[in-house]
Amino acid sequence: MLRYVSAGGVIRAGSDPNNGLPGLGVHEEMVMFVEAGLTPMQAIQAATINVAKAFRKDKDFGTLELGKVADIIAIEGDPLRDIWSVQNVKLVVLSGKIVDADFHSNYKNPIPNIRPWRATPRDIEVSPRSVVQGSGPTTVKVSARRGFDRFHRVTLNGKEVETRLVSPSELEATIPTQALKEAGTYTVMVIGEGDFASKSAPAYLIVSFKR
């Protein structure tokens, strides 16, 4: 990369990371640029003016200049000494207005999933909520408001079970008898097949003792 830039090549940050939290991935990318030999200023330019140049929009975006369009952040620290300091954001001016950055009790994270283009519903419910030890094969329904697709799979204690898509709000899972041989609390989750980062919050299935 350093040889490429030294020869006159232009490096720009990607529009999104292949894996990781949106926004944070850009910071990580700038750190990797510095680790690869670029200066902190070159890393910052890769995420700003070079992106604008790549889309031929540098006359309007990419730098703070009179007549250009820009959102502004103020940070604590010197990014030319420590590139990670660009995370220490103290002020955001978006569309000419200061963003309220204080915490509010009714705040809701606007990013429901780090893979928004292949999201998995976060909150799920399991029905029935309890089964008897050793029963099976047992069919349980996993429901959410919406968001299920054919690539979603139900897991029981981390192991995938046979899953059928019923609707965007319901999956049907068949649990073999062997999987319920011990009494206890079992963790049920929904994952995106082939995508370890796409998963729901856990729900729980109680397996009661056989009388």
C-alpha atoms as a PDB file:
ATOM      1  CA  MET A   1       0.000   0.000   0.000  1.00  0.00           C
ATOM      2  CA  LEU A   2       2.802   2.434   0.933  1.00  0.00           C
ATOM      3  CA  ARG A   3       4.584   1.762  -2.351  1.00  0.00           C
ATOM      4  CA  TYR A   4       1.309   2.330  -4.221  1.00  0.00           C
ATOM      5  CA  VAL A   5       0.726   5.700  -2.543  1.00  0.00           C
ATOM      6  CA  SER A   6       4.380   6.682  -2.960  1.00  0.00           C
ATOM      7  CA  ALA A   7       4.014   5.998  -6.689  1.00  0.00           C
ATOM      8  CA  GLY A   8       1.060   8.402  -6.873  1.00  0.00           C
ATOM      9  CA  GLY A   9      -1.815   6.022  -6.200  1.00  0.00           C
ATOM     10  CA  VAL A  10      -4.890   7.249  -4.323  1.00  0.00           C
ATOM     11  CA  ILE A  11      -6.266   5.211  -1.406  1.00  0.00           C
ATOM     12  CA  ARG A  12      -9.840   5.708  -0.247  1.00  0.00           C
ATOM     13  CA  ALA A  13     -11.819   4.190   2.590  1.00  0.00           C
ATOM     14  CA  GLY A  14     -14.587   1.758   1.695  1.00  0.00           C
ATOM     15  CA  SER A  15     -18.267   2.637   1.939  1.00  0.00           C
ATOM     16  CA  ASP A  16     -18.737  -0.040   4.592  1.00  0.00           C
ATOM     17  CA  PRO A  17     -16.715  -2.822   6.231  1.00  0.00           C
ATOM     18  CA  ASN A  18     -17.122  -6.426   5.200  1.00  0.00           C
ATOM     19  CA  ASN A  19     -17.734  -7.220   8.869  1.00  0.00           C
ATOM     20  CA  GLY A  20     -18.152  -5.125  11.959  1.00  0.00           C
ATOM     21  CA  LEU A  21     -20.218  -2.292  13.358  1.00  0.00           C
ATOM     22  CA  PRO A  22     -21.064   0.420  10.803  1.00  0.00           C
ATOM     23  CA  GLY A  23     -19.131   3.605  11.569  1.00  0.00           C
ATOM     24  CA  LEU A  24     -16.538   1.884  13.743  1.00  0.00           C
ATOM     25  CA  GLY A  25     -15.283   0.019  10.684  1.00  0.00           C
ATOM     26  CA  VAL A  26     -14.146   3.307   9.106  1.00  0.00           C
ATOM     27  CA  HIS A  27     -12.053   4.106  12.189  1.00  0.00           C
ATOM     28  CA  GLU A  28     -10.546   0.626  12.117  1.00  0.00           C
ATOM     29  CA  GLU A  29      -9.771   1.040   8.437  1.00  0.00           C
ATOM     30  CA  MET A  30      -7.924   4.316   9.060  1.00  0.00           C
ATOM     31  CA  VAL A  31      -5.893   2.624  11.801  1.00  0.00           C
ATOM     32  CA  MET A  32      -4.943  -0.155   9.376  1.00  0.00           C
ATOM     33  CA  PHE A  33      -3.878   2.444   6.816  1.00  0.00           C
ATOM     34  CA  VAL A  34      -1.474   3.913   9.396  1.00  0.00           C
ATOM     35  CA  GLU A  35      -0.257   0.461  10.401  1.00  0.00           C
ATOM     36  CA  ALA A  36       0.431  -0.212   6.718  1.00  0.00           C
ATOM     37  CA  GLY A  37       2.725   2.808   6.535  1.00  0.00           C
ATOM     38  CA  LEU A  38       0.516   5.773   5.621  1.00  0.00           C
ATOM     39  CA  THR A  39       0.681   8.923   7.705  1.00  0.00           C
ATOM     40  CA  PRO A  40      -2.330   9.804   9.876  1.00  0.00           C
ATOM     41  CA  MET A  41      -3.112  12.711   7.529  1.00  0.00           C
ATOM     42  CA  GLN A  42      -3.102  10.359   4.534  1.00  0.00           C
ATOM     43  CA  ALA A  43      -5.461   8.045   6.428  1.00  0.00           C
ATOM     44  CA  ILE A  44      -7.837  10.940   7.194  1.00  0.00           C
ATOM     45  CA  GLN A  45      -7.722  12.046   3.573  1.00  0.00           C
ATOM     46  CA  ALA A  46      -8.511   8.485   2.508  1.00  0.00           C
ATOM     47  CA  ALA A  47     -11.770   8.713   4.458  1.00  0.00           C
ATOM     48  CA  THR A  48     -12.687  12.223   3.299  1.00  0.00           C
ATOM     49  CA  ILE A  49     -11.371  14.019   0.235  1.00  0.00           C
ATOM     50  CA  ASN A  50     -10.209  10.864  -1.551  1.00  0.00           C
ATOM     51  CA  VAL A  51     -13.704   9.378  -1.307  1.00  0.00           C
ATOM     52  CA  ALA A  52     -15.157  12.560  -2.790  1.00  0.00           C
ATOM     53  CA  LYS A  53     -12.589  12.468  -5.589  1.00  0.00           C
ATOM     54  CA  ALA A  54     -13.405   8.827  -6.361  1.00  0.00           C
ATOM     55  CA  PHE A  55     -17.022   9.849  -7.030  1.00  0.00           C
ATOM     56  CA  ARG A  56     -16.003  13.100  -8.745  1.00  0.00           C
ATOM     57  CA  LYS A  57     -17.749  15.095  -6.048  1.00  0.00           C
ATOM     58  CA  ASP A  58     -14.696  16.836  -4.608  1.00  0.00           C
ATOM     59  CA  LYS A  59     -15.890  20.257  -5.793  1.00  0.00           C
ATOM     60  CA  ASP A  60     -18.745  20.000  -3.302  1.00  0.00           C
ATOM     61  CA  PHE A  61     -17.578  17.525  -0.644  1.00  0.00           C
ATOM     62  CA  GLY A  62     -14.504  16.148   1.104  1.00  0.00           C
ATOM     63  CA  THR A  63     -12.888  19.206   2.740  1.00  0.00           C
ATOM     64  CA  LEU A  64     -13.923  22.186   4.850  1.00  0.00           C
ATOM     65  CA  GLU A  65     -13.916  25.062   2.386  1.00  0.00           C
ATOM     66  CA  LEU A  66     -16.123  28.033   1.645  1.00  0.00           C
ATOM     67  CA  GLY A  67     -19.008  26.996  -0.604  1.00  0.00           C
ATOM     68  CA  LYS A  68     -18.708  23.258   0.073  1.00  0.00           C
ATOM     69  CA  VAL A  69     -21.257  21.000   1.766  1.00  0.00           C
ATOM     70  CA  ALA A  70     -20.028  19.466   5.005  1.00  0.00           C
ATOM     71  CA  ASP A  71     -21.074  17.949   8.301  1.00  0.00           C
ATOM     72  CA  ILE A  72     -18.546  18.662  11.047  1.00  0.00           C
ATOM     73  CA  ILE A  73     -17.227  16.800  14.079  1.00  0.00           C
ATOM     74  CA  ALA A  74     -15.021  18.136  16.851  1.00  0.00           C
ATOM     75  CA  ILE A  75     -12.837  15.609  18.628  1.00  0.00           C
ATOM     76  CA  GLU A  76     -10.687  15.512  21.754  1.00  0.00           C
ATOM     77  CA  GLY A  77      -7.085  14.651  20.997  1.00  0.00           C
ATOM     78  CA  ASP A  78      -4.639  14.934  18.135  1.00  0.00           C
ATOM     79  CA  PRO A  79      -5.333  12.445  15.314  1.00  0.00           C
ATOM     80  CA  LEU A  80      -1.992  13.294  13.737  1.00  0.00           C
ATOM     81  CA  ARG A  81      -0.338  11.714  16.775  1.00  0.00           C
ATOM     82  CA  ASP A  82      -2.920   9.004  17.489  1.00  0.00           C
ATOM     83  CA  ILE A  83      -5.352   8.135  14.682  1.00  0.00           C
ATOM     84  CA  TRP A  84      -7.688   6.424  17.175  1.00  0.00           C
ATOM     85  CA  SER A  85      -8.495   9.837  18.685  1.00  0.00           C
ATOM     86  CA  VAL A  86     -10.945  10.428  15.820  1.00  0.00           C
ATOM     87  CA  GLN A  87     -13.312   8.291  17.906  1.00  0.00           C
ATOM     88  CA  ASN A  88     -13.331  10.832  20.728  1.00  0.00           C
ATOM     89  CA  VAL A  89     -16.167  12.831  19.220  1.00  0.00           C
ATOM     90  CA  LYS A  90     -17.328  15.731  21.410  1.00  0.00           C
ATOM     91  CA  LEU A  91     -19.474  17.692  18.966  1.00  0.00           C
ATOM     92  CA  VAL A  92     -21.422  16.833  15.814  1.00  0.00           C
ATOM     93  CA  VAL A  93     -22.876  19.427  13.456  1.00  0.00           C
ATOM     94  CA  LEU A  94     -25.263  17.773  11.013  1.00  0.00           C
ATOM     95  CA  SER A  95     -26.950  19.810   8.280  1.00  0.00           C
ATOM     96  CA  GLY A  96     -25.977  22.981  10.120  1.00  0.00           C
ATOM     97  CA  LYS A  97     -27.472  21.920  13.473  1.00  0.00           C
ATOM     98  CA  ILE A  98     -25.712  20.695  16.607  1.00  0.00           C
ATOM     99  CA  VAL A  99     -26.704  17.101  17.359  1.00  0.00           C
ATOM    100  CA  ASP A 100     -27.970  16.393  20.874  1.00  0.00           C
ATOM    101  CA  ALA A 101     -25.423  13.844  22.083  1.00  0.00           C
ATOM    102  CA  ASP A 102     -26.699  13.548  25.661  1.00  0.00           C
ATOM    103  CA  PHE A 103     -28.079  10.210  26.802  1.00  0.00           C
ATOM    104  CA  HIS A 104     -31.867   9.998  27.080  1.00  0.00           C
ATOM    105  CA  SER A 105     -33.796   7.172  28.729  1.00  0.00           C
ATOM    106  CA  ASN A 106     -35.985   6.676  25.647  1.00  0.00           C
ATOM    107  CA  TYR A 107     -32.986   6.343  23.324  1.00  0.00           C
ATOM    108  CA  LYS A 108     -33.095   3.494  20.852  1.00  0.00           C
ATOM    109  CA  ASN A 109     -30.068   2.354  18.869  1.00  0.00           C
ATOM    110  CA  PRO A 110     -30.761   3.231  15.216  1.00  0.00           C
ATOM    111  CA  ILE A 111     -28.565   0.329  14.097  1.00  0.00           C
ATOM    112  CA  PRO A 112     -30.544  -2.863  14.913  1.00  0.00           C
ATOM    113  CA  ASN A 113     -27.941  -5.178  13.458  1.00  0.00           C
ATOM    114  CA  ILE A 114     -24.381  -4.928  12.176  1.00  0.00           C
ATOM    115  CA  ARG A 115     -25.533  -6.608   8.994  1.00  0.00           C
ATOM    116  CA  PRO A 116     -28.569  -4.440   8.161  1.00  0.00           C
ATOM    117  CA  TRP A 117     -28.793  -5.794   4.611  1.00  0.00           C
ATOM    118  CA  ARG A 118     -29.209  -9.300   6.010  1.00  0.00           C
ATOM    119  CA  ALA A 119     -30.660  -8.570   9.400  1.00  0.00           C
ATOM    120  CA  THR A 120     -31.953 -11.092  11.916  1.00  0.00           C
ATOM    121  CA  PRO A 121     -34.777 -10.039  14.264  1.00  0.00           C
ATOM    122  CA  ARG A 122     -33.290  -9.337  17.662  1.00  0.00           C
ATOM    123  CA  ASP A 123     -36.209 -10.146  19.953  1.00  0.00           C
ATOM    124  CA  ILE A 124     -37.762 -13.592  19.552  1.00  0.00           C
ATOM    125  CA  GLU A 125     -40.290 -15.707  21.450  1.00  0.00           C
ATOM    126  CA  VAL A 126     -40.540 -19.477  21.734  1.00  0.00           C
ATOM    127  CA  SER A 127     -43.759 -21.482  21.946  1.00  0.00           C
ATOM    128  CA  PRO A 128     -44.281 -23.681  23.849  1.00  0.00           C
ATOM    129  CA  ARG A 129     -41.977 -22.292  26.495  1.00  0.00           C
ATOM    130  CA  SER A 130     -41.485 -25.633  28.191  1.00  0.00           C
ATOM    131  CA  VAL A 131     -41.396 -29.291  27.205  1.00  0.00           C
ATOM    132  CA  VAL A 132     -40.907 -32.548  29.088  1.00  0.00           C
ATOM    133  CA  GLN A 133     -37.505 -34.201  29.310  1.00  0.00           C
ATOM    134  CA  GLY A 134     -36.989 -36.826  26.602  1.00  0.00           C
ATOM    135  CA  SER A 135     -40.052 -35.823  24.608  1.00  0.00           C
ATOM    136  CA  GLY A 136     -39.757 -35.604  20.884  1.00  0.00           C
ATOM    137  CA  PRO A 137     -39.318 -35.063  18.183  1.00  0.00           C
ATOM    138  CA  THR A 138     -40.720 -31.739  19.423  1.00  0.00           C
ATOM    139  CA  THR A 139     -41.897 -28.890  17.223  1.00  0.00           C
ATOM    140  CA  VAL A 140     -41.533 -25.377  18.583  1.00  0.00           C
ATOM    141  CA  LYS A 141     -42.505 -22.078  17.010  1.00  0.00           C
ATOM    142  CA  VAL A 142     -40.115 -19.144  17.067  1.00  0.00           C
ATOM    143  CA  SER A 143     -41.785 -15.807  16.421  1.00  0.00           C
ATOM    144  CA  ALA A 144     -40.792 -12.185  15.950  1.00  0.00           C
ATOM    145  CA  ARG A 145     -42.501  -9.068  14.649  1.00  0.00           C
ATOM    146  CA  ARG A 146     -41.012  -9.519  11.161  1.00  0.00           C
ATOM    147  CA  GLY A 147     -37.715 -10.190   9.436  1.00  0.00           C
ATOM    148  CA  PHE A 148     -37.359 -13.956   9.053  1.00  0.00           C
ATOM    149  CA  ASP A 149     -36.198 -15.328   5.721  1.00  0.00           C
ATOM    150  CA  ARG A 150     -35.216 -18.673   4.211  1.00  0.00           C
ATOM    151  CA  PHE A 151     -31.594 -18.321   5.300  1.00  0.00           C
ATOM    152  CA  HIS A 152     -32.518 -18.170   8.998  1.00  0.00           C
ATOM    153  CA  ARG A 153     -31.925 -21.189  11.199  1.00  0.00           C
ATOM    154  CA  VAL A 154     -32.968 -21.977  14.767  1.00  0.00           C
ATOM    155  CA  THR A 155     -30.263 -23.158  17.174  1.00  0.00           C
ATOM    156  CA  LEU A 156     -30.650 -24.984  20.474  1.00  0.00           C
ATOM    157  CA  ASN A 157     -27.702 -24.497  22.827  1.00  0.00           C
ATOM    158  CA  GLY A 158     -25.639 -23.431  19.837  1.00  0.00           C
ATOM    159  CA  LYS A 159     -26.521 -26.361  17.564  1.00  0.00           C
ATOM    160  CA  GLU A 160     -28.696 -25.921  14.486  1.00  0.00           C
ATOM    161  CA  VAL A 161     -31.972 -27.831  14.339  1.00  0.00           C
ATOM    162  CA  GLU A 162     -34.263 -28.512  11.403  1.00  0.00           C
ATOM    163  CA  THR A 163     -35.951 -25.204  10.566  1.00  0.00           C
ATOM    164  CA  ARG A 164     -38.854 -24.289   8.308  1.00  0.00           C
ATOM    165  CA  LEU A 165     -39.895 -20.780   7.319  1.00  0.00           C
ATOM    166  CA  VAL A 166     -43.617 -20.341   8.000  1.00  0.00           C
ATOM    167  CA  SER A 167     -43.855 -16.581   7.436  1.00  0.00           C
ATOM    168  CA  PRO A 168     -41.709 -13.454   7.845  1.00  0.00           C
ATOM    169  CA  SER A 169     -42.743 -13.487  11.508  1.00  0.00           C
ATOM    170  CA  GLU A 170     -42.536 -17.209  12.288  1.00  0.00           C
ATOM    171  CA  LEU A 171     -40.124 -20.115  12.057  1.00  0.00           C
ATOM    172  CA  GLU A 172     -40.904 -23.715  12.922  1.00  0.00           C
ATOM    173  CA  ALA A 173     -38.137 -25.834  14.435  1.00  0.00           C
ATOM    174  CA  THR A 174     -38.088 -29.605  14.947  1.00  0.00           C
ATOM    175  CA  ILE A 175     -36.018 -30.698  17.935  1.00  0.00           C
ATOM    176  CA  PRO A 176     -34.948 -34.367  18.039  1.00  0.00           C
ATOM    177  CA  THR A 177     -35.577 -36.429  21.165  1.00  0.00           C
ATOM    178  CA  GLN A 178     -31.860 -36.872  21.810  1.00  0.00           C
ATOM    179  CA  ALA A 179     -31.401 -33.116  22.125  1.00  0.00           C
ATOM    180  CA  LEU A 180     -33.859 -32.964  25.056  1.00  0.00           C
ATOM    181  CA  LYS A 181     -32.572 -35.858  27.118  1.00  0.00           C
ATOM    182  CA  GLU A 182     -31.467 -33.650  30.036  1.00  0.00           C
ATOM    183  CA  ALA A 183     -33.698 -31.385  32.108  1.00  0.00           C
ATOM    184  CA  GLY A 184     -32.703 -27.740  32.350  1.00  0.00           C
ATOM    185  CA  THR A 185     -32.840 -24.383  30.618  1.00  0.00           C
ATOM    186  CA  TYR A 186     -31.969 -24.449  26.925  1.00  0.00           C
ATOM    187  CA  THR A 187     -30.925 -21.399  24.913  1.00  0.00           C
ATOM    188  CA  VAL A 188     -32.781 -20.804  21.653  1.00  0.00           C
ATOM    189  CA  MET A 189     -31.406 -18.370  19.077  1.00  0.00           C
ATOM    190  CA  VAL A 190     -31.969 -17.567  15.418  1.00  0.00           C
ATOM    191  CA  ILE A 191     -28.918 -17.147  13.199  1.00  0.00           C
ATOM    192  CA  GLY A 192     -28.328 -16.154   9.595  1.00  0.00           C
ATOM    193  CA  GLU A 193     -26.967 -19.183   7.748  1.00  0.00           C
ATOM    194  CA  GLY A 194     -23.343 -18.623   6.751  1.00  0.00           C
ATOM    195  CA  ASP A 195     -23.137 -15.364   8.704  1.00  0.00           C
ATOM    196  CA  PHE A 196     -21.808 -15.746  12.246  1.00  0.00           C
ATOM    197  CA  ALA A 197     -22.523 -12.089  13.046  1.00  0.00           C
ATOM    198  CA  SER A 198     -26.224 -12.241  12.202  1.00  0.00           C
ATOM    199  CA  LYS A 199     -28.097 -13.583  15.207  1.00  0.00           C
ATOM    200  CA  SER A 200     -30.953 -12.821  17.557  1.00  0.00           C
ATOM    201  CA  ALA A 201     -30.922 -12.267  21.281  1.00  0.00           C
ATOM    202  CA  PRO A 202     -31.446 -15.518  23.202  1.00  0.00           C
ATOM    203  CA  ALA A 203     -34.826 -16.909  24.239  1.00  0.00           C
ATOM    204  CA  TYR A 204     -35.189 -19.844  26.580  1.00  0.00           C
ATOM    205  CA  LEU A 205     -36.867 -23.241  26.477  1.00  0.00           C
ATOM    206  CA  ILE A 206     -37.435 -25.001  29.806  1.00  0.00           C
ATOM    207  CA  VAL A 207     -37.043 -28.786  29.750  1.00  0.00           C
ATOM    208  CA  SER A 208     -38.774 -30.138  32.865  1.00  0.00           C
ATOM    209  CA  PHE A 209     -38.099 -33.476  34.558  1.00  0.00           C
ATOM    210  CA  LYS A 210     -39.981 -36.465  33.271  1.00  0.00           C
ATOM    211  CA  ARG A 211     -42.339 -37.825  35.928  1.00  0.00           C
END
